[in-house]
Protein backbone atom coordinates (compact mmCIF):
# COMPACT_ATOMS: atom_id res chain seq x y z
CA GLN A 1 -4.40 20.81 -49.25
CA VAL A 2 -3.25 21.35 -52.82
CA ARG A 3 -3.22 24.81 -54.35
CA LEU A 4 -3.02 25.73 -58.03
CA VAL A 5 -1.86 29.17 -59.08
CA GLU A 6 -2.09 30.49 -62.63
CA SER A 7 -0.19 33.38 -64.16
CA GLY A 8 0.44 34.95 -67.53
CA GLY A 9 -2.93 36.37 -68.48
CA GLY A 10 -3.37 39.86 -69.83
CA LEU A 11 -4.73 42.16 -72.52
CA VAL A 12 -3.43 41.60 -76.04
CA GLN A 13 -4.45 42.34 -79.60
CA ALA A 14 -5.77 39.82 -82.07
CA GLY A 15 -2.91 37.82 -83.56
CA ASP A 16 -0.70 38.21 -80.51
CA SER A 17 0.57 35.45 -78.24
CA LEU A 18 0.43 34.73 -74.53
CA ARG A 19 1.85 32.00 -72.34
CA LEU A 20 -0.06 30.86 -69.29
CA SER A 21 1.58 28.98 -66.45
CA CYS A 22 0.11 26.93 -63.62
CA THR A 23 1.87 25.33 -60.69
CA ALA A 24 0.39 23.06 -58.06
CA SER A 25 1.79 23.08 -54.54
CA GLY A 26 0.90 21.80 -51.12
CA ARG A 27 0.90 18.45 -49.39
CA PRO A 28 2.93 15.64 -51.05
CA PHE A 29 1.13 14.48 -54.17
CA SER A 30 1.57 13.29 -57.73
CA THR A 31 -0.18 14.79 -60.71
CA PHE A 32 -1.48 12.46 -63.38
CA ALA A 33 -3.14 15.00 -65.62
CA MET A 34 -3.43 18.76 -65.85
CA GLY A 35 -5.73 20.76 -68.02
CA TRP A 36 -6.88 24.22 -68.98
CA PHE A 37 -10.49 25.29 -69.14
CA ARG A 38 -11.95 28.70 -69.92
CA GLN A 39 -15.14 30.55 -69.26
CA ALA A 40 -16.30 33.63 -71.09
CA PRO A 41 -18.96 35.98 -69.67
CA GLY A 42 -22.41 34.49 -70.05
CA LYS A 43 -21.06 31.19 -71.33
CA GLU A 44 -20.44 27.79 -69.81
CA ARG A 45 -16.97 26.62 -68.91
CA GLU A 46 -15.31 24.86 -71.82
CA PHE A 47 -12.34 22.59 -72.23
CA VAL A 48 -9.22 24.04 -73.86
CA ALA A 49 -6.35 21.56 -73.53
CA ALA A 50 -5.01 18.81 -71.29
CA VAL A 51 -1.96 16.66 -70.85
CA SER A 52 -2.04 13.22 -69.27
CA TRP A 53 0.79 11.43 -67.50
CA SER A 54 -1.34 8.57 -66.19
CA GLY A 55 0.32 5.38 -67.23
CA GLY A 56 3.25 7.49 -68.44
CA ASP A 57 1.71 8.34 -71.81
CA GLY A 58 2.24 12.11 -71.97
CA ASN A 59 -0.63 12.48 -74.42
CA ARG A 60 -2.10 15.90 -75.17
CA TYR A 61 -5.67 16.80 -75.96
CA TYR A 62 -7.08 19.96 -77.54
CA ALA A 63 -10.43 21.51 -78.24
CA ASP A 64 -11.05 21.91 -81.95
CA SER A 65 -11.32 25.68 -81.52
CA VAL A 66 -7.69 25.98 -80.38
CA LYS A 67 -6.03 23.12 -82.24
CA GLY A 68 -3.06 24.38 -84.23
CA ARG A 69 -2.90 27.66 -82.27
CA PHE A 70 -2.45 26.56 -78.64
CA THR A 71 0.14 24.17 -77.23
CA ILE A 72 0.02 22.58 -73.81
CA SER A 73 3.18 21.37 -72.13
CA GLY A 74 4.14 20.46 -68.64
CA ASP A 75 6.30 18.69 -66.16
CA ASN A 76 4.47 16.32 -63.85
CA ALA A 77 7.52 16.05 -61.58
CA LYS A 78 7.13 19.78 -60.94
CA SER A 79 3.32 19.71 -61.15
CA THR A 80 3.52 22.53 -63.65
CA VAL A 81 1.65 23.06 -66.90
CA TYR A 82 1.92 25.75 -69.54
CA LEU A 83 -0.40 26.92 -72.28
CA GLN A 84 1.24 28.67 -75.20
CA MET A 85 -1.44 30.60 -77.05
CA ASN A 86 -0.62 31.93 -80.51
CA SER A 87 -2.73 33.72 -83.09
CA LEU A 88 -5.16 34.81 -80.42
CA LYS A 89 -8.66 35.81 -81.46
CA PRO A 90 -11.24 37.98 -79.72
CA GLU A 91 -13.31 34.85 -79.13
CA ASP A 92 -10.48 33.48 -76.97
CA THR A 93 -11.32 36.13 -74.38
CA ALA A 94 -12.16 34.36 -71.12
CA VAL A 95 -10.98 33.49 -67.65
CA TYR A 96 -8.58 30.59 -68.02
CA SER A 97 -8.34 28.11 -65.16
CA CYS A 98 -6.00 25.20 -64.73
CA ALA A 99 -7.00 21.94 -63.12
CA ALA A 100 -5.14 18.95 -61.76
CA ASP A 101 -6.00 15.28 -61.48
CA LEU A 102 -4.13 13.61 -58.63
CA VAL A 103 -5.56 10.14 -59.18
CA ASP A 104 -3.82 7.63 -61.41
CA ARG A 105 -6.53 6.37 -63.76
CA PRO A 106 -5.15 5.29 -67.11
CA GLU A 107 -7.70 5.44 -69.89
CA THR A 108 -8.05 3.32 -72.99
CA PRO A 109 -7.35 5.22 -76.23
CA SER A 110 -11.02 5.24 -77.15
CA MET A 111 -12.06 6.74 -73.81
CA ALA A 112 -9.17 9.12 -73.22
CA PHE A 113 -10.40 12.25 -75.00
CA GLY A 114 -13.80 12.14 -73.32
CA ALA A 115 -12.16 11.54 -69.96
CA TYR A 116 -9.57 14.30 -70.00
CA THR A 117 -11.87 16.92 -71.47
CA ASN A 118 -14.42 16.39 -68.69
CA PRO A 119 -14.04 18.95 -65.88
CA ARG A 120 -15.40 16.41 -63.37
CA ARG A 121 -12.20 14.41 -63.74
CA TYR A 122 -10.12 17.07 -62.04
CA ASN A 123 -9.77 17.24 -58.27
CA TYR A 124 -8.24 20.69 -57.85
CA TRP A 125 -8.71 24.01 -59.60
CA GLY A 126 -6.95 27.34 -59.72
CA GLN A 127 -8.66 30.70 -59.34
CA GLY A 128 -8.17 31.60 -62.99
CA THR A 129 -6.38 34.28 -64.97
CA GLN A 130 -8.07 36.73 -67.32
CA VAL A 131 -7.17 36.71 -71.00
CA THR A 132 -8.61 39.54 -73.07
CA VAL A 133 -8.04 39.76 -76.82
CA SER A 134 -9.00 42.99 -78.52
CA SER A 135 -9.87 43.17 -82.21
C-alpha cells in the first residue's frame, strides 16, 4: 500500500504565506505526477496545482485562481511535493489534499492540462491538511 501524508497547514492572516509538504511512502513505486486539490466547506473539490514527471517533462500546472501566488515543486525520486502559497486570501481557506499518480502515462501538450487537473487521474490521496486564512 502507498500512503501520502501532508503537513504544513495552519491558521494565517490574509497576505501571509504557508508551505505545504506531502510525502508518499510504502511499497516500492515510482511517482509520475503529484498534485494538490482543495475543498472548502459546502463546495466541490477543486484542482490547485500539479507537477508531472511522466516522460521526464517536469511540467507544472496551476488553477487560474492561484497562478502567480502558489508554486508547486517536488522531487519524484523522493515522492515528495511542496506547495508554496504566498499572498494568501480568505477564499484560499480549505482542506488541501495531495494526490499521486503512480502510472506512467505521458500526455500530449494539448491534453496535458485536462489530464493532470482531473482528480480521477490520481491513484492515491492523502488525508488533507487544513488551511485557514483570516481577513
